[in-house]
Each structure stands twice: as C-alpha cells, then as structure tokens.
Amino acid sequence: MIEEVATHEQLERCWAIRLEVFVEEQKVSEDEEIDAIDLLESTVHFLASRDGVDLGTARIVAEEAGRCHIGRVAVRKLARGTGVGRELMEEAARIAVERCSDSRGNLEIAISAQEHAIPFYELCGYVLVSGERYLDAGIWHRDMVAHFSRQ
C-alpha cells in the first residue's frame, strides 16, 4: 500500500527508512539526508507498507508549473525486488501529474539517480539527460527525466 504522508508521525517513519538506507547502508551523513525541503508545505512524501511493515518512501518537490523532482526514493533491503520501488514511482508520478502539471497538462519529472539505480529508473520510463555524472553525498549520480501528460 502506498499512502501520501499526512502526519508528522508518518514523516518520521519515512525518515527512519531513509536513515536505514542512505545513512546506515550507504554512509551518507545524516545532516545531508534530512533537509529543510522535507518540511516545506509543498513537499509531498509517500510511505509504502505491507502487512504493517514500512518498506519504502519517496518525495515530490515542486519546482515550477510543469516541472518537479522526485527524490529520496528509498526501499528497505528486505523489500528490494518486490515491486515496492516501482509502485512508489508510479504513485509519485500520478500525484505529480495531478498537482504539478502546467496549464496544458504537461509535466517533466526530474530525478537525480544513483548510477547503480539507473536501470531501475529506465524501467520506470526515465531517460538520461546527459552522460555527465556528479557526486552527491559521496555517491555518483546522473540526471534523468520523464515526460507525462494529464489525460
């Protein structure tokens, strides 16, 4: 089940997943992981769970009409390969199209993909913007985008 986060308690559950995946597993600094963007009223967080167990999270950050960023996509190790990540990306894209599309109903969603996750994001319909890679929190990333249209 994917639900939009509506309470601070749910947000703390998202943070717990991100701390486990990014801080504990990937050795990202906690100061870099939890940021002010998390608390912006315009940021939309998602929490994936099954049978009462929290499994994954993601957030949407609106940039301007017709463009947003999906980030902080994290799936706990026990749920990787089960479809949870894809469900998170699909639900985030659906909500982003509803809330972030321009006046013509078009939306570009950007992601900053960790290089090892590029094949996953390609399966979700994202394409590389360029071949340039960059370090973010000590991990190599590349920018990707997907285009959507409100039907």
N, C-alpha and C. Protein backbone atom coordinates (compact mmCIF):
# COMPACT_ATOMS: atom_id res chain seq x y z
N MET A 1 0.85 -1.18 0.00
CA MET A 1 0.00 0.00 0.00
C MET A 1 0.89 1.24 0.00
N ILE A 2 0.59 2.17 -0.88
CA ILE A 2 1.30 3.44 -0.93
C ILE A 2 0.35 4.51 -0.43
N GLU A 3 0.78 5.27 0.56
CA GLU A 3 -0.08 6.34 1.06
C GLU A 3 0.69 7.66 1.09
N GLU A 4 -0.04 8.72 0.85
CA GLU A 4 0.54 10.05 0.98
C GLU A 4 0.65 10.37 2.46
N VAL A 5 1.78 10.88 2.84
CA VAL A 5 2.04 11.21 4.25
C VAL A 5 1.20 12.41 4.66
N ALA A 6 0.48 12.24 5.76
CA ALA A 6 -0.41 13.30 6.23
C ALA A 6 -0.08 13.76 7.64
N THR A 7 0.76 13.01 8.36
CA THR A 7 1.07 13.37 9.75
C THR A 7 2.58 13.40 9.97
N HIS A 8 2.98 14.06 11.03
CA HIS A 8 4.41 14.09 11.37
C HIS A 8 4.90 12.70 11.75
N GLU A 9 4.06 11.91 12.37
CA GLU A 9 4.44 10.54 12.73
C GLU A 9 4.76 9.73 11.47
N GLN A 10 3.97 9.89 10.42
CA GLN A 10 4.25 9.21 9.16
C GLN A 10 5.57 9.70 8.55
N LEU A 11 5.81 11.02 8.63
CA LEU A 11 7.06 11.57 8.12
C LEU A 11 8.25 10.98 8.87
N GLU A 12 8.12 10.82 10.16
CA GLU A 12 9.20 10.20 10.94
C GLU A 12 9.44 8.76 10.50
N ARG A 13 8.40 8.06 10.09
CA ARG A 13 8.56 6.71 9.56
C ARG A 13 9.31 6.73 8.24
N CYS A 14 9.03 7.73 7.40
CA CYS A 14 9.79 7.91 6.15
C CYS A 14 11.26 8.17 6.47
N TRP A 15 11.51 9.05 7.42
CA TRP A 15 12.89 9.35 7.81
C TRP A 15 13.60 8.10 8.30
N ALA A 16 12.90 7.25 9.04
CA ALA A 16 13.53 6.02 9.55
C ALA A 16 13.99 5.14 8.39
N ILE A 17 13.20 5.04 7.35
CA ILE A 17 13.59 4.26 6.18
C ILE A 17 14.79 4.90 5.50
N ARG A 18 14.74 6.21 5.30
CA ARG A 18 15.84 6.91 4.65
C ARG A 18 17.13 6.79 5.47
N LEU A 19 17.03 6.89 6.78
CA LEU A 19 18.22 6.75 7.62
C LEU A 19 18.81 5.34 7.49
N GLU A 20 17.94 4.34 7.45
CA GLU A 20 18.41 2.97 7.29
C GLU A 20 19.12 2.79 5.94
N VAL A 21 18.48 3.25 4.86
CA VAL A 21 19.02 3.03 3.51
C VAL A 21 20.21 3.93 3.22
N PHE A 22 20.02 5.23 3.41
CA PHE A 22 21.06 6.17 2.98
C PHE A 22 22.18 6.34 4.01
N VAL A 23 21.82 6.47 5.27
CA VAL A 23 22.84 6.74 6.29
C VAL A 23 23.54 5.45 6.71
N GLU A 24 22.77 4.44 7.10
CA GLU A 24 23.40 3.21 7.58
C GLU A 24 24.04 2.40 6.45
N GLU A 25 23.29 2.16 5.36
CA GLU A 25 23.81 1.32 4.28
C GLU A 25 24.82 2.06 3.39
N GLN A 26 24.46 3.29 3.00
CA GLN A 26 25.28 3.99 2.01
C GLN A 26 26.23 5.00 2.62
N LYS A 27 26.18 5.15 3.92
CA LYS A 27 27.12 6.02 4.66
C LYS A 27 27.00 7.50 4.30
N VAL A 28 25.79 7.94 3.95
CA VAL A 28 25.52 9.37 3.74
C VAL A 28 25.40 10.02 5.11
N SER A 29 25.89 11.22 5.24
CA SER A 29 25.78 11.95 6.50
C SER A 29 24.30 12.24 6.80
N GLU A 30 23.92 12.05 8.06
CA GLU A 30 22.53 12.34 8.44
C GLU A 30 22.19 13.80 8.18
N ASP A 31 23.15 14.70 8.34
CA ASP A 31 22.92 16.12 8.07
C ASP A 31 22.58 16.38 6.61
N GLU A 32 23.14 15.57 5.70
CA GLU A 32 22.84 15.73 4.28
C GLU A 32 21.51 15.08 3.91
N GLU A 33 21.14 14.05 4.64
CA GLU A 33 19.96 13.29 4.27
C GLU A 33 18.65 13.96 4.68
N ILE A 34 18.53 14.36 5.91
CA ILE A 34 17.31 15.02 6.38
C ILE A 34 17.53 16.51 6.18
N ASP A 35 16.68 17.13 5.34
CA ASP A 35 16.91 18.54 5.00
C ASP A 35 15.64 19.38 5.15
N ALA A 36 15.81 20.67 4.98
CA ALA A 36 14.69 21.62 5.15
C ALA A 36 13.59 21.38 4.13
N ILE A 37 13.93 20.82 2.98
CA ILE A 37 12.92 20.56 1.94
C ILE A 37 11.87 19.58 2.46
N ASP A 38 12.26 18.68 3.35
CA ASP A 38 11.31 17.73 3.91
C ASP A 38 10.13 18.41 4.59
N LEU A 39 10.36 19.59 5.15
CA LEU A 39 9.33 20.26 5.94
C LEU A 39 8.57 21.34 5.17
N LEU A 40 8.92 21.56 3.90
CA LEU A 40 8.17 22.53 3.11
C LEU A 40 6.73 22.05 2.91
N GLU A 41 5.81 22.97 3.00
CA GLU A 41 4.40 22.61 2.82
C GLU A 41 4.14 22.01 1.44
N SER A 42 4.91 22.42 0.45
CA SER A 42 4.71 21.94 -0.92
C SER A 42 5.32 20.57 -1.19
N THR A 43 6.17 20.07 -0.30
CA THR A 43 6.78 18.75 -0.48
C THR A 43 5.77 17.67 -0.13
N VAL A 44 5.66 16.67 -1.01
CA VAL A 44 4.73 15.56 -0.81
C VAL A 44 5.56 14.30 -0.57
N HIS A 45 5.31 13.64 0.55
CA HIS A 45 6.01 12.41 0.90
C HIS A 45 5.08 11.22 0.73
N PHE A 46 5.69 10.06 0.42
CA PHE A 46 4.93 8.82 0.28
C PHE A 46 5.56 7.75 1.15
N LEU A 47 4.71 6.89 1.66
CA LEU A 47 5.16 5.79 2.51
C LEU A 47 4.56 4.50 1.96
N ALA A 48 5.42 3.53 1.69
CA ALA A 48 4.97 2.22 1.21
C ALA A 48 5.05 1.23 2.37
N SER A 49 3.99 0.46 2.55
CA SER A 49 3.99 -0.56 3.61
C SER A 49 3.16 -1.75 3.15
N ARG A 50 3.48 -2.88 3.75
CA ARG A 50 2.70 -4.10 3.52
C ARG A 50 2.60 -4.82 4.85
N ASP A 51 1.40 -5.26 5.16
CA ASP A 51 1.17 -6.02 6.40
C ASP A 51 1.73 -5.32 7.63
N GLY A 52 1.59 -3.98 7.65
CA GLY A 52 2.02 -3.20 8.80
C GLY A 52 3.51 -2.93 8.89
N VAL A 53 4.26 -3.32 7.87
CA VAL A 53 5.72 -3.10 7.85
C VAL A 53 6.05 -2.01 6.84
N ASP A 54 6.74 -0.97 7.28
CA ASP A 54 7.16 0.11 6.39
C ASP A 54 8.30 -0.38 5.51
N LEU A 55 8.15 -0.18 4.19
CA LEU A 55 9.12 -0.74 3.25
C LEU A 55 9.84 0.28 2.40
N GLY A 56 9.20 1.43 2.11
CA GLY A 56 9.84 2.40 1.22
C GLY A 56 9.23 3.77 1.34
N THR A 57 9.92 4.72 0.73
CA THR A 57 9.47 6.11 0.77
C THR A 57 10.01 6.86 -0.44
N ALA A 58 9.38 7.97 -0.74
CA ALA A 58 9.82 8.88 -1.81
C ALA A 58 9.18 10.24 -1.53
N ARG A 59 9.69 11.27 -2.21
CA ARG A 59 9.07 12.59 -2.06
C ARG A 59 9.03 13.29 -3.41
N ILE A 60 8.06 14.19 -3.54
CA ILE A 60 7.94 15.07 -4.69
C ILE A 60 8.26 16.48 -4.23
N VAL A 61 9.11 17.15 -4.99
CA VAL A 61 9.42 18.55 -4.73
C VAL A 61 9.02 19.34 -5.97
N ALA A 62 8.02 20.21 -5.83
CA ALA A 62 7.59 21.04 -6.96
C ALA A 62 8.64 22.10 -7.23
N GLU A 63 8.94 22.30 -8.52
CA GLU A 63 9.93 23.31 -8.89
C GLU A 63 9.27 24.52 -9.55
N GLU A 64 8.43 24.26 -10.53
CA GLU A 64 7.67 25.31 -11.22
C GLU A 64 6.55 24.60 -11.96
N ALA A 65 5.59 25.33 -12.47
CA ALA A 65 4.49 24.70 -13.19
C ALA A 65 5.07 23.88 -14.35
N GLY A 66 4.72 22.63 -14.39
CA GLY A 66 5.20 21.76 -15.45
C GLY A 66 6.51 21.05 -15.16
N ARG A 67 7.05 21.23 -13.96
CA ARG A 67 8.32 20.56 -13.62
C ARG A 67 8.39 20.30 -12.12
N CYS A 68 8.78 19.07 -11.77
CA CYS A 68 9.01 18.72 -10.38
C CYS A 68 10.15 17.72 -10.30
N HIS A 69 10.51 17.39 -9.08
CA HIS A 69 11.61 16.46 -8.84
C HIS A 69 11.10 15.37 -7.89
N ILE A 70 11.34 14.12 -8.26
CA ILE A 70 11.07 13.02 -7.34
C ILE A 70 12.42 12.60 -6.77
N GLY A 71 12.47 12.51 -5.46
CA GLY A 71 13.74 12.16 -4.84
C GLY A 71 13.55 11.42 -3.53
N ARG A 72 14.70 11.18 -2.90
CA ARG A 72 14.75 10.46 -1.63
C ARG A 72 13.98 9.15 -1.73
N VAL A 73 14.10 8.51 -2.90
CA VAL A 73 13.46 7.21 -3.11
C VAL A 73 14.30 6.17 -2.39
N ALA A 74 13.70 5.51 -1.42
CA ALA A 74 14.42 4.53 -0.61
C ALA A 74 13.52 3.33 -0.35
N VAL A 75 14.08 2.16 -0.59
CA VAL A 75 13.37 0.91 -0.32
C VAL A 75 14.26 0.08 0.58
N ARG A 76 13.69 -0.38 1.67
CA ARG A 76 14.46 -1.21 2.62
C ARG A 76 14.93 -2.48 1.92
N LYS A 77 16.08 -2.97 2.33
CA LYS A 77 16.71 -4.13 1.71
C LYS A 77 15.75 -5.32 1.61
N LEU A 78 14.95 -5.55 2.64
CA LEU A 78 14.06 -6.70 2.65
C LEU A 78 12.96 -6.61 1.60
N ALA A 79 12.74 -5.42 1.02
CA ALA A 79 11.68 -5.26 0.04
C ALA A 79 12.19 -5.01 -1.38
N ARG A 80 13.49 -4.97 -1.56
CA ARG A 80 14.03 -4.73 -2.90
C ARG A 80 13.72 -5.92 -3.80
N GLY A 81 13.34 -5.59 -5.03
CA GLY A 81 13.00 -6.63 -5.99
C GLY A 81 11.58 -7.15 -5.87
N THR A 82 10.78 -6.52 -5.02
CA THR A 82 9.39 -6.98 -4.81
C THR A 82 8.36 -6.11 -5.53
N GLY A 83 8.80 -5.03 -6.19
CA GLY A 83 7.88 -4.12 -6.86
C GLY A 83 7.53 -2.89 -6.06
N VAL A 84 8.00 -2.81 -4.83
CA VAL A 84 7.69 -1.65 -3.98
C VAL A 84 8.23 -0.36 -4.60
N GLY A 85 9.46 -0.39 -5.08
CA GLY A 85 10.05 0.81 -5.67
C GLY A 85 9.26 1.29 -6.88
N ARG A 86 8.86 0.36 -7.72
CA ARG A 86 8.08 0.72 -8.91
C ARG A 86 6.72 1.31 -8.50
N GLU A 87 6.08 0.70 -7.51
CA GLU A 87 4.80 1.24 -7.03
C GLU A 87 4.97 2.65 -6.50
N LEU A 88 6.05 2.89 -5.76
CA LEU A 88 6.33 4.25 -5.25
C LEU A 88 6.48 5.24 -6.41
N MET A 89 7.26 4.87 -7.41
CA MET A 89 7.49 5.76 -8.55
C MET A 89 6.21 6.02 -9.33
N GLU A 90 5.39 5.00 -9.50
CA GLU A 90 4.12 5.17 -10.22
C GLU A 90 3.17 6.08 -9.46
N GLU A 91 3.05 5.88 -8.16
CA GLU A 91 2.15 6.73 -7.37
C GLU A 91 2.67 8.16 -7.30
N ALA A 92 3.97 8.33 -7.13
CA ALA A 92 4.54 9.68 -7.10
C ALA A 92 4.30 10.38 -8.42
N ALA A 93 4.48 9.68 -9.53
CA ALA A 93 4.24 10.30 -10.84
C ALA A 93 2.77 10.66 -11.02
N ARG A 94 1.87 9.78 -10.58
CA ARG A 94 0.43 10.06 -10.70
C ARG A 94 0.05 11.32 -9.93
N ILE A 95 0.52 11.44 -8.70
CA ILE A 95 0.22 12.62 -7.89
C ILE A 95 0.91 13.86 -8.47
N ALA A 96 2.12 13.70 -8.96
CA ALA A 96 2.83 14.83 -9.55
C ALA A 96 2.08 15.37 -10.76
N VAL A 97 1.56 14.50 -11.58
CA VAL A 97 0.79 14.94 -12.75
C VAL A 97 -0.43 15.74 -12.30
N GLU A 98 -1.10 15.27 -11.27
CA GLU A 98 -2.29 15.98 -10.75
C GLU A 98 -1.94 17.37 -10.23
N ARG A 99 -0.81 17.49 -9.53
CA ARG A 99 -0.51 18.72 -8.79
C ARG A 99 0.52 19.65 -9.41
N CYS A 100 1.33 19.15 -10.30
CA CYS A 100 2.46 19.95 -10.79
C CYS A 100 2.42 20.24 -12.28
N SER A 101 1.45 19.71 -13.01
CA SER A 101 1.40 19.93 -14.46
C SER A 101 1.20 21.40 -14.80
N ASP A 102 1.65 21.78 -15.99
CA ASP A 102 1.45 23.16 -16.44
C ASP A 102 0.01 23.32 -16.94
N SER A 103 -0.32 24.48 -17.45
CA SER A 103 -1.70 24.78 -17.85
C SER A 103 -2.19 23.90 -19.00
N ARG A 104 -1.26 23.30 -19.75
CA ARG A 104 -1.64 22.39 -20.85
C ARG A 104 -1.68 20.93 -20.39
N GLY A 105 -1.37 20.71 -19.11
CA GLY A 105 -1.41 19.35 -18.58
C GLY A 105 -0.12 18.58 -18.75
N ASN A 106 0.96 19.25 -19.12
CA ASN A 106 2.24 18.59 -19.33
C ASN A 106 3.13 18.70 -18.09
N LEU A 107 3.94 17.68 -17.89
CA LEU A 107 4.83 17.66 -16.74
C LEU A 107 6.14 16.95 -17.09
N GLU A 108 7.23 17.56 -16.66
CA GLU A 108 8.54 16.91 -16.71
C GLU A 108 8.94 16.60 -15.28
N ILE A 109 9.23 15.33 -15.04
CA ILE A 109 9.70 14.92 -13.72
C ILE A 109 11.19 14.62 -13.84
N ALA A 110 11.97 15.27 -12.99
CA ALA A 110 13.41 15.06 -12.95
C ALA A 110 13.76 14.19 -11.76
N ILE A 111 14.80 13.40 -11.90
CA ILE A 111 15.34 12.64 -10.78
C ILE A 111 16.86 12.72 -10.84
N SER A 112 17.47 12.65 -9.69
CA SER A 112 18.92 12.54 -9.57
C SER A 112 19.19 11.09 -9.19
N ALA A 113 19.53 10.29 -10.17
CA ALA A 113 19.63 8.85 -9.97
C ALA A 113 21.03 8.43 -9.55
N GLN A 114 21.10 7.63 -8.51
CA GLN A 114 22.37 6.99 -8.20
C GLN A 114 22.68 6.07 -9.38
N GLU A 115 23.94 6.04 -9.79
CA GLU A 115 24.29 5.30 -11.01
C GLU A 115 23.86 3.84 -10.96
N HIS A 116 23.98 3.19 -9.82
CA HIS A 116 23.59 1.78 -9.75
C HIS A 116 22.09 1.58 -9.96
N ALA A 117 21.29 2.65 -9.75
CA ALA A 117 19.82 2.54 -9.87
C ALA A 117 19.30 2.97 -11.24
N ILE A 118 20.18 3.38 -12.15
CA ILE A 118 19.74 3.84 -13.47
C ILE A 118 18.88 2.79 -14.19
N PRO A 119 19.27 1.52 -14.22
CA PRO A 119 18.40 0.54 -14.90
C PRO A 119 16.98 0.47 -14.31
N PHE A 120 16.86 0.61 -13.00
CA PHE A 120 15.54 0.63 -12.38
C PHE A 120 14.73 1.83 -12.89
N TYR A 121 15.33 3.01 -12.89
CA TYR A 121 14.61 4.20 -13.33
C TYR A 121 14.28 4.13 -14.82
N GLU A 122 15.14 3.51 -15.61
CA GLU A 122 14.82 3.33 -17.03
C GLU A 122 13.59 2.46 -17.19
N LEU A 123 13.45 1.43 -16.36
CA LEU A 123 12.25 0.58 -16.39
C LEU A 123 11.00 1.37 -16.03
N CYS A 124 11.18 2.43 -15.25
CA CYS A 124 10.06 3.30 -14.86
C CYS A 124 9.79 4.38 -15.90
N GLY A 125 10.55 4.41 -17.00
CA GLY A 125 10.30 5.35 -18.09
C GLY A 125 11.18 6.58 -18.11
N TYR A 126 12.19 6.64 -17.27
CA TYR A 126 13.09 7.80 -17.22
C TYR A 126 14.27 7.58 -18.16
N VAL A 127 14.77 8.69 -18.73
CA VAL A 127 15.92 8.64 -19.63
C VAL A 127 16.99 9.59 -19.11
N LEU A 128 18.24 9.26 -19.42
CA LEU A 128 19.35 10.11 -19.02
C LEU A 128 19.28 11.44 -19.74
N VAL A 129 19.56 12.52 -19.01
CA VAL A 129 19.59 13.86 -19.60
C VAL A 129 20.90 14.05 -20.36
N SER A 130 21.98 13.60 -19.76
CA SER A 130 23.29 13.70 -20.39
C SER A 130 24.17 12.62 -19.80
N GLY A 131 25.35 12.49 -20.33
CA GLY A 131 26.27 11.50 -19.82
C GLY A 131 27.05 11.96 -18.62
N GLU A 132 26.85 13.21 -18.19
CA GLU A 132 27.63 13.74 -17.10
C GLU A 132 27.23 13.13 -15.77
N ARG A 133 28.23 12.74 -15.01
CA ARG A 133 27.99 12.21 -13.68
C ARG A 133 28.51 13.20 -12.66
N TYR A 134 27.97 13.14 -11.46
CA TYR A 134 28.40 14.05 -10.40
C TYR A 134 28.25 13.36 -9.05
N LEU A 135 29.06 13.81 -8.13
CA LEU A 135 28.99 13.28 -6.77
C LEU A 135 27.95 14.04 -5.96
N ASP A 136 27.09 13.31 -5.31
CA ASP A 136 26.14 13.89 -4.36
C ASP A 136 26.23 13.01 -3.12
N ALA A 137 26.59 13.60 -2.01
CA ALA A 137 26.76 12.87 -0.74
C ALA A 137 27.75 11.71 -0.91
N GLY A 138 28.75 11.92 -1.78
CA GLY A 138 29.78 10.92 -1.97
C GLY A 138 29.38 9.75 -2.87
N ILE A 139 28.23 9.86 -3.54
CA ILE A 139 27.73 8.79 -4.40
C ILE A 139 27.55 9.35 -5.81
N TRP A 140 28.02 8.59 -6.81
CA TRP A 140 27.88 9.05 -8.20
C TRP A 140 26.43 9.02 -8.64
N HIS A 141 25.99 10.13 -9.24
CA HIS A 141 24.63 10.32 -9.73
C HIS A 141 24.65 10.79 -11.18
N ARG A 142 23.49 10.62 -11.82
CA ARG A 142 23.26 11.20 -13.15
C ARG A 142 21.81 11.67 -13.19
N ASP A 143 21.57 12.74 -13.94
CA ASP A 143 20.21 13.29 -14.04
C ASP A 143 19.40 12.53 -15.08
N MET A 144 18.14 12.31 -14.75
CA MET A 144 17.20 11.63 -15.64
C MET A 144 15.88 12.39 -15.63
N VAL A 145 15.10 12.23 -16.69
CA VAL A 145 13.78 12.85 -16.76
C VAL A 145 12.78 11.90 -17.42
N ALA A 146 11.52 12.18 -17.16
CA ALA A 146 10.41 11.52 -17.85
C ALA A 146 9.36 12.60 -18.09
N HIS A 147 8.61 12.45 -19.17
CA HIS A 147 7.56 13.41 -19.52
C HIS A 147 6.21 12.74 -19.40
N PHE A 148 5.28 13.48 -18.82
CA PHE A 148 3.93 12.98 -18.61
C PHE A 148 2.94 14.01 -19.09
N SER A 149 1.73 13.54 -19.32
CA SER A 149 0.66 14.42 -19.77
C SER A 149 -0.63 14.03 -19.06
N ARG A 150 -1.35 15.03 -18.59
CA ARG A 150 -2.64 14.76 -17.93
C ARG A 150 -3.61 14.38 -19.03
N GLN A 151 -4.28 13.28 -18.89
CA GLN A 151 -5.17 12.76 -19.96
C GLN A 151 -6.57 13.30 -19.83
